[in-house]
Amino acid sequence: MTAPQYDGYIPEAPAENVPRGTVFALAVIPLGIVAFVVLWSFDLLASIVGFGVAAGAVFLYRLGSGGRVGRGGATRIAVITIATMLLALAAAVVFDVLIAFTGETGDTWIAALTSPEFWAFNSYVLAQPGVLSSYLPSFLIGLGLSALGCFSVLRGAFQSSKVEPAAAFEYPIAPTPGSYTAPSATDSTVTDPTPPAYGERVEPTDPNAPKA
């Protein structure tokens, strides 16, 4: 049985599926918001979630795009990461107001969130001088960590998009097993060396060198 021969063709990587990758990456938004608010409720450094959101967005995007991240994909990942952190910070502010509101009224969280009185109270609290400015350091830290989390993937994608694809390397084609035939003894192209005359100087030769 003759073994299949490699013809030197290298198949190209699958094209980047930007829409599908974007849809997959959008799933990081609710996950990032929940993780941020949970850490926020325990007075932990919730802004570190920015790193996780960036890494999760990259992972989910690759999962949907076929494993590739181009310039368009990197831009979408950055936008999704920043948007997730902004929404998470806004959710954390609402969470603080929710805790205060339910503590005064005794309502459950679900009842409060579906109550017009809560949203009116939320607007009133946020409109007070100095309330929003007190959240500014957390906003800046969260956005800064998100930008750092996106920096590596953005740099790698933008740099790789400027590199021209290398030409396919042509591998040598191996001979088909059994196709080589040794020269016969009667082949006229094969000549026996003439023995040297007595006293003639003969240069040493490589025994592994092919015969002429």
C-alpha atoms as a PDB file:
ATOM      1  CA  MET A   1       0.000   0.000   0.000  1.00  0.00           C
ATOM      2  CA  THR A   2       1.464   3.370  -1.054  1.00  0.00           C
ATOM      3  CA  ALA A   3       1.628   5.972   1.715  1.00  0.00           C
ATOM      4  CA  PRO A   4      -0.041   9.355   0.953  1.00  0.00           C
ATOM      5  CA  GLN A   5       2.446  12.031  -0.043  1.00  0.00           C
ATOM      6  CA  TYR A   6       2.603  15.554   1.369  1.00  0.00           C
ATOM      7  CA  ASP A   7       2.450  18.072  -1.488  1.00  0.00           C
ATOM      8  CA  GLY A   8       3.847  21.058   0.437  1.00  0.00           C
ATOM      9  CA  TYR A   9       0.458  22.768   0.965  1.00  0.00           C
ATOM     10  CA  ILE A  10      -0.210  24.223   4.412  1.00  0.00           C
ATOM     11  CA  PRO A  11      -3.951  24.817   5.018  1.00  0.00           C
ATOM     12  CA  GLU A  12      -4.798  28.339   6.166  1.00  0.00           C
ATOM     13  CA  ALA A  13      -6.198  29.002   9.637  1.00  0.00           C
ATOM     14  CA  PRO A  14      -9.968  29.527   9.761  1.00  0.00           C
ATOM     15  CA  ALA A  15     -11.108  33.108   9.279  1.00  0.00           C
ATOM     16  CA  GLU A  16     -12.027  35.121  12.352  1.00  0.00           C
ATOM     17  CA  ASN A  17     -15.773  35.027  12.990  1.00  0.00           C
ATOM     18  CA  VAL A  18     -16.182  38.509  14.473  1.00  0.00           C
ATOM     19  CA  PRO A  19     -20.000  38.525  14.969  1.00  0.00           C
ATOM     20  CA  ARG A  20     -20.042  35.137  16.661  1.00  0.00           C
ATOM     21  CA  GLY A  21     -17.063  36.006  18.842  1.00  0.00           C
ATOM     22  CA  THR A  22     -18.733  39.269  19.875  1.00  0.00           C
ATOM     23  CA  VAL A  23     -21.940  37.489  20.873  1.00  0.00           C
ATOM     24  CA  PHE A  24     -19.954  35.028  22.989  1.00  0.00           C
ATOM     25  CA  ALA A  25     -17.962  37.823  24.642  1.00  0.00           C
ATOM     26  CA  LEU A  26     -21.156  39.657  25.622  1.00  0.00           C
ATOM     27  CA  ALA A  27     -21.875  36.858  28.100  1.00  0.00           C
ATOM     28  CA  VAL A  28     -19.135  38.291  30.323  1.00  0.00           C
ATOM     29  CA  ILE A  29     -21.254  41.381  31.095  1.00  0.00           C
ATOM     30  CA  PRO A  30     -23.732  39.826  33.581  1.00  0.00           C
ATOM     31  CA  LEU A  31     -21.000  37.633  35.063  1.00  0.00           C
ATOM     32  CA  GLY A  32     -18.738  40.620  35.630  1.00  0.00           C
ATOM     33  CA  ILE A  33     -21.514  42.698  37.182  1.00  0.00           C
ATOM     34  CA  VAL A  34     -22.496  39.952  39.634  1.00  0.00           C
ATOM     35  CA  ALA A  35     -18.867  39.275  40.611  1.00  0.00           C
ATOM     36  CA  PHE A  36     -18.197  42.990  41.146  1.00  0.00           C
ATOM     37  CA  VAL A  37     -21.280  43.566  43.302  1.00  0.00           C
ATOM     38  CA  VAL A  38     -20.581  40.461  45.421  1.00  0.00           C
ATOM     39  CA  LEU A  39     -17.028  41.607  46.179  1.00  0.00           C
ATOM     40  CA  TRP A  40     -18.303  45.151  46.738  1.00  0.00           C
ATOM     41  CA  SER A  41     -20.811  43.912  49.316  1.00  0.00           C
ATOM     42  CA  PHE A  42     -17.977  42.334  51.338  1.00  0.00           C
ATOM     43  CA  ASP A  43     -15.888  45.528  51.200  1.00  0.00           C
ATOM     44  CA  LEU A  44     -13.242  43.812  49.095  1.00  0.00           C
ATOM     45  CA  LEU A  45     -11.257  45.310  46.226  1.00  0.00           C
ATOM     46  CA  ALA A  46     -13.967  44.738  43.665  1.00  0.00           C
ATOM     47  CA  SER A  47     -12.042  46.705  41.026  1.00  0.00           C
ATOM     48  CA  ILE A  48      -9.768  43.686  40.545  1.00  0.00           C
ATOM     49  CA  VAL A  49     -12.709  42.179  38.667  1.00  0.00           C
ATOM     50  CA  GLY A  50     -11.547  44.316  35.724  1.00  0.00           C
ATOM     51  CA  PHE A  51      -8.703  41.861  35.092  1.00  0.00           C
ATOM     52  CA  GLY A  52     -11.071  38.912  35.209  1.00  0.00           C
ATOM     53  CA  VAL A  53     -13.574  40.600  32.907  1.00  0.00           C
ATOM     54  CA  ALA A  54     -10.863  41.290  30.317  1.00  0.00           C
ATOM     55  CA  ALA A  55      -9.560  37.710  30.496  1.00  0.00           C
ATOM     56  CA  GLY A  56     -13.076  36.283  30.346  1.00  0.00           C
ATOM     57  CA  ALA A  57     -13.990  38.449  27.361  1.00  0.00           C
ATOM     58  CA  VAL A  58     -10.884  37.264  25.497  1.00  0.00           C
ATOM     59  CA  PHE A  59     -11.605  33.612  26.307  1.00  0.00           C
ATOM     60  CA  LEU A  60     -15.254  33.811  25.251  1.00  0.00           C
ATOM     61  CA  TYR A  61     -14.393  35.771  22.098  1.00  0.00           C
ATOM     62  CA  ARG A  62     -11.837  33.162  21.017  1.00  0.00           C
ATOM     63  CA  LEU A  63     -14.377  30.450  21.753  1.00  0.00           C
ATOM     64  CA  GLY A  64     -16.825  32.014  19.333  1.00  0.00           C
ATOM     65  CA  SER A  65     -14.467  33.454  16.717  1.00  0.00           C
ATOM     66  CA  GLY A  66     -12.611  30.259  15.967  1.00  0.00           C
ATOM     67  CA  GLY A  67      -9.597  31.013  18.153  1.00  0.00           C
ATOM     68  CA  ARG A  68      -8.432  34.210  16.460  1.00  0.00           C
ATOM     69  CA  VAL A  69      -8.444  37.810  17.722  1.00  0.00           C
ATOM     70  CA  GLY A  70      -7.824  40.499  15.107  1.00  0.00           C
ATOM     71  CA  ARG A  71      -7.937  44.265  15.357  1.00  0.00           C
ATOM     72  CA  GLY A  72     -11.721  44.345  15.149  1.00  0.00           C
ATOM     73  CA  GLY A  73     -12.042  41.633  17.765  1.00  0.00           C
ATOM     74  CA  ALA A  74      -9.596  43.341  20.133  1.00  0.00           C
ATOM     75  CA  THR A  75     -11.523  46.607  19.843  1.00  0.00           C
ATOM     76  CA  ARG A  76     -14.787  44.850  20.643  1.00  0.00           C
ATOM     77  CA  ILE A  77     -13.201  43.115  23.625  1.00  0.00           C
ATOM     78  CA  ALA A  78     -12.014  46.464  24.978  1.00  0.00           C
ATOM     79  CA  VAL A  79     -15.438  48.060  24.521  1.00  0.00           C
ATOM     80  CA  ILE A  80     -17.195  45.117  26.196  1.00  0.00           C
ATOM     81  CA  THR A  81     -14.746  45.158  29.117  1.00  0.00           C
ATOM     82  CA  ILE A  82     -15.071  48.894  29.749  1.00  0.00           C
ATOM     83  CA  ALA A  83     -18.865  48.755  29.375  1.00  0.00           C
ATOM     84  CA  THR A  84     -19.032  45.854  31.831  1.00  0.00           C
ATOM     85  CA  MET A  85     -17.049  47.770  34.430  1.00  0.00           C
ATOM     86  CA  LEU A  86     -19.153  50.912  34.014  1.00  0.00           C
ATOM     87  CA  LEU A  87     -22.337  48.905  34.453  1.00  0.00           C
ATOM     88  CA  ALA A  88     -20.809  47.064  37.423  1.00  0.00           C
ATOM     89  CA  LEU A  89     -19.875  50.335  39.117  1.00  0.00           C
ATOM     90  CA  ALA A  90     -23.381  51.700  38.529  1.00  0.00           C
ATOM     91  CA  ALA A  91     -24.866  48.476  39.935  1.00  0.00           C
ATOM     92  CA  ALA A  92     -22.676  48.808  43.030  1.00  0.00           C
ATOM     93  CA  VAL A  93     -23.965  52.329  43.668  1.00  0.00           C
ATOM     94  CA  VAL A  94     -27.565  51.146  43.287  1.00  0.00           C
ATOM     95  CA  PHE A  95     -26.767  48.250  45.610  1.00  0.00           C
ATOM     96  CA  ASP A  96     -25.666  50.655  48.360  1.00  0.00           C
ATOM     97  CA  VAL A  97     -28.887  52.620  48.014  1.00  0.00           C
ATOM     98  CA  LEU A  98     -30.873  49.390  47.960  1.00  0.00           C
ATOM     99  CA  ILE A  99     -29.367  48.284  51.269  1.00  0.00           C
ATOM    100  CA  ALA A 100     -30.291  51.621  52.863  1.00  0.00           C
ATOM    101  CA  PHE A 101     -33.810  51.572  51.416  1.00  0.00           C
ATOM    102  CA  THR A 102     -34.638  48.004  52.484  1.00  0.00           C
ATOM    103  CA  GLY A 103     -33.200  48.707  55.915  1.00  0.00           C
ATOM    104  CA  GLU A 104     -35.677  51.561  56.368  1.00  0.00           C
ATOM    105  CA  THR A 105     -38.757  49.993  54.778  1.00  0.00           C
ATOM    106  CA  GLY A 106     -38.233  46.302  55.521  1.00  0.00           C
ATOM    107  CA  ASP A 107     -39.012  45.382  51.904  1.00  0.00           C
ATOM    108  CA  THR A 108     -37.258  42.556  50.131  1.00  0.00           C
ATOM    109  CA  TRP A 109     -34.718  43.333  47.404  1.00  0.00           C
ATOM    110  CA  ILE A 110     -37.048  42.153  44.653  1.00  0.00           C
ATOM    111  CA  ALA A 111     -39.968  44.191  45.993  1.00  0.00           C
ATOM    112  CA  ALA A 112     -37.748  47.267  46.276  1.00  0.00           C
ATOM    113  CA  LEU A 113     -36.290  46.944  42.784  1.00  0.00           C
ATOM    114  CA  THR A 114     -39.780  46.708  41.303  1.00  0.00           C
ATOM    115  CA  SER A 115     -41.070  49.646  43.352  1.00  0.00           C
ATOM    116  CA  PRO A 116     -41.220  53.170  41.866  1.00  0.00           C
ATOM    117  CA  GLU A 117     -40.573  54.562  45.346  1.00  0.00           C
ATOM    118  CA  PHE A 118     -37.160  52.926  45.436  1.00  0.00           C
ATOM    119  CA  TRP A 119     -36.039  54.430  42.126  1.00  0.00           C
ATOM    120  CA  ALA A 120     -37.296  57.840  43.228  1.00  0.00           C
ATOM    121  CA  PHE A 121     -35.349  57.449  46.459  1.00  0.00           C
ATOM    122  CA  ASN A 122     -32.285  56.311  44.476  1.00  0.00           C
ATOM    123  CA  SER A 123     -32.406  59.440  42.296  1.00  0.00           C
ATOM    124  CA  TYR A 124     -32.821  61.640  45.379  1.00  0.00           C
ATOM    125  CA  VAL A 125     -29.801  60.108  47.143  1.00  0.00           C
ATOM    126  CA  LEU A 126     -27.513  60.323  44.112  1.00  0.00           C
ATOM    127  CA  ALA A 127     -28.488  63.950  43.557  1.00  0.00           C
ATOM    128  CA  GLN A 128     -27.161  64.944  46.976  1.00  0.00           C
ATOM    129  CA  PRO A 129     -23.860  66.885  46.899  1.00  0.00           C
ATOM    130  CA  GLY A 130     -20.773  64.738  47.426  1.00  0.00           C
ATOM    131  CA  VAL A 131     -22.487  61.360  46.982  1.00  0.00           C
ATOM    132  CA  LEU A 132     -21.296  60.565  43.476  1.00  0.00           C
ATOM    133  CA  SER A 133     -17.894  62.140  44.061  1.00  0.00           C
ATOM    134  CA  SER A 134     -17.320  59.700  46.929  1.00  0.00           C
ATOM    135  CA  TYR A 135     -17.460  56.870  44.390  1.00  0.00           C
ATOM    136  CA  LEU A 136     -14.978  58.523  42.019  1.00  0.00           C
ATOM    137  CA  PRO A 137     -11.835  56.748  43.362  1.00  0.00           C
ATOM    138  CA  SER A 138     -13.510  53.354  42.896  1.00  0.00           C
ATOM    139  CA  PHE A 139     -14.573  54.355  39.391  1.00  0.00           C
ATOM    140  CA  LEU A 140     -11.045  55.361  38.430  1.00  0.00           C
ATOM    141  CA  ILE A 141      -9.421  52.264  39.928  1.00  0.00           C
ATOM    142  CA  GLY A 142     -11.923  49.965  38.229  1.00  0.00           C
ATOM    143  CA  LEU A 143     -11.478  51.577  34.840  1.00  0.00           C
ATOM    144  CA  GLY A 144      -7.700  51.619  35.226  1.00  0.00           C
ATOM    145  CA  LEU A 145      -7.511  47.911  36.031  1.00  0.00           C
ATOM    146  CA  SER A 146      -9.838  47.153  33.135  1.00  0.00           C
ATOM    147  CA  ALA A 147      -7.586  49.089  30.766  1.00  0.00           C
ATOM    148  CA  LEU A 148      -4.540  47.173  32.027  1.00  0.00           C
ATOM    149  CA  GLY A 149      -6.363  43.908  31.530  1.00  0.00           C
ATOM    150  CA  CYS A 150      -7.133  44.815  27.911  1.00  0.00           C
ATOM    151  CA  PHE A 151      -3.704  46.263  27.111  1.00  0.00           C
ATOM    152  CA  SER A 152      -1.907  43.007  26.333  1.00  0.00           C
ATOM    153  CA  VAL A 153      -4.589  41.599  24.041  1.00  0.00           C
ATOM    154  CA  LEU A 154      -4.968  44.923  22.218  1.00  0.00           C
ATOM    155  CA  ARG A 155      -1.226  45.263  21.684  1.00  0.00           C
ATOM    156  CA  GLY A 156      -0.876  41.680  20.459  1.00  0.00           C
ATOM    157  CA  ALA A 157      -3.819  41.948  18.075  1.00  0.00           C
ATOM    158  CA  PHE A 158      -2.763  45.302  16.613  1.00  0.00           C
ATOM    159  CA  GLN A 159       0.829  44.150  16.113  1.00  0.00           C
ATOM    160  CA  SER A 160      -0.144  40.847  14.518  1.00  0.00           C
ATOM    161  CA  SER A 161      -2.465  42.609  12.092  1.00  0.00           C
ATOM    162  CA  LYS A 162       0.508  44.560  10.679  1.00  0.00           C
ATOM    163  CA  VAL A 163       2.549  41.441   9.918  1.00  0.00           C
ATOM    164  CA  GLU A 164       2.130  40.076   6.413  1.00  0.00           C
ATOM    165  CA  PRO A 165       1.327  36.362   6.330  1.00  0.00           C
ATOM    166  CA  ALA A 166       4.364  34.313   5.464  1.00  0.00           C
ATOM    167  CA  ALA A 167       4.384  32.285   2.257  1.00  0.00           C
ATOM    168  CA  ALA A 168       3.651  28.611   2.643  1.00  0.00           C
ATOM    169  CA  PHE A 169       6.801  26.583   3.135  1.00  0.00           C
ATOM    170  CA  GLU A 170       7.269  23.966   0.481  1.00  0.00           C
ATOM    171  CA  TYR A 171       8.285  20.738   2.143  1.00  0.00           C
ATOM    172  CA  PRO A 172      10.291  18.299  -0.015  1.00  0.00           C
ATOM    173  CA  ILE A 173       8.213  15.458  -1.320  1.00  0.00           C
ATOM    174  CA  ALA A 174       9.482  12.132  -0.107  1.00  0.00           C
ATOM    175  CA  PRO A 175       9.844   9.406  -2.754  1.00  0.00           C
ATOM    176  CA  THR A 176       7.185   6.769  -2.908  1.00  0.00           C
ATOM    177  CA  PRO A 177       8.273   3.597  -1.109  1.00  0.00           C
ATOM    178  CA  GLY A 178       9.476   1.060  -3.662  1.00  0.00           C
ATOM    179  CA  SER A 179       9.950   3.625  -6.426  1.00  0.00           C
ATOM    180  CA  TYR A 180      13.774   3.643  -6.167  1.00  0.00           C
ATOM    181  CA  THR A 181      15.556   1.029  -8.278  1.00  0.00           C
ATOM    182  CA  ALA A 182      19.212   0.287  -7.717  1.00  0.00           C
ATOM    183  CA  PRO A 183      21.373   0.325 -10.904  1.00  0.00           C
ATOM    184  CA  SER A 184      21.998  -3.084 -12.365  1.00  0.00           C
ATOM    185  CA  ALA A 185      25.430  -4.570 -12.895  1.00  0.00           C
ATOM    186  CA  THR A 186      25.051  -4.222 -16.672  1.00  0.00           C
ATOM    187  CA  ASP A 187      24.168  -0.529 -16.552  1.00  0.00           C
ATOM    188  CA  SER A 188      26.528   1.344 -18.879  1.00  0.00           C
ATOM    189  CA  THR A 189      26.443   4.448 -16.706  1.00  0.00           C
ATOM    190  CA  VAL A 190      28.127   2.580 -13.865  1.00  0.00           C
ATOM    191  CA  THR A 191      31.864   2.077 -14.466  1.00  0.00           C
ATOM    192  CA  ASP A 192      34.363   0.295 -12.334  1.00  0.00           C
ATOM    193  CA  PRO A 193      37.388   2.353 -11.338  1.00  0.00           C
ATOM    194  CA  THR A 194      40.559   1.568 -13.252  1.00  0.00           C
ATOM    195  CA  PRO A 195      43.230   0.256 -10.901  1.00  0.00           C
ATOM    196  CA  PRO A 196      46.210   2.622 -10.582  1.00  0.00           C
ATOM    197  CA  ALA A 197      49.503   1.786 -12.205  1.00  0.00           C
ATOM    198  CA  TYR A 198      52.424   0.614 -10.138  1.00  0.00           C
ATOM    199  CA  GLY A 199      53.979   3.574  -8.285  1.00  0.00           C
ATOM    200  CA  GLU A 200      51.156   6.025  -9.206  1.00  0.00           C
ATOM    201  CA  ARG A 201      50.018   8.328  -6.365  1.00  0.00           C
ATOM    202  CA  VAL A 202      46.339   7.962  -5.579  1.00  0.00           C
ATOM    203  CA  GLU A 203      44.473  10.583  -3.529  1.00  0.00           C
ATOM    204  CA  PRO A 204      42.380   9.168  -0.706  1.00  0.00           C
ATOM    205  CA  THR A 205      38.659   9.209  -1.401  1.00  0.00           C
ATOM    206  CA  ASP A 206      35.597   9.299   0.759  1.00  0.00           C
ATOM    207  CA  PRO A 207      34.136   5.791   0.871  1.00  0.00           C
ATOM    208  CA  ASN A 208      30.645   7.307   1.426  1.00  0.00           C
ATOM    209  CA  ALA A 209      30.837   9.575  -1.620  1.00  0.00           C
ATOM    210  CA  PRO A 210      28.486   8.609  -4.507  1.00  0.00           C
ATOM    211  CA  LYS A 211      30.051   6.972  -7.478  1.00  0.00           C
ATOM    212  CA  ALA A 212      30.406   9.014 -10.670  1.00  0.00           C
END
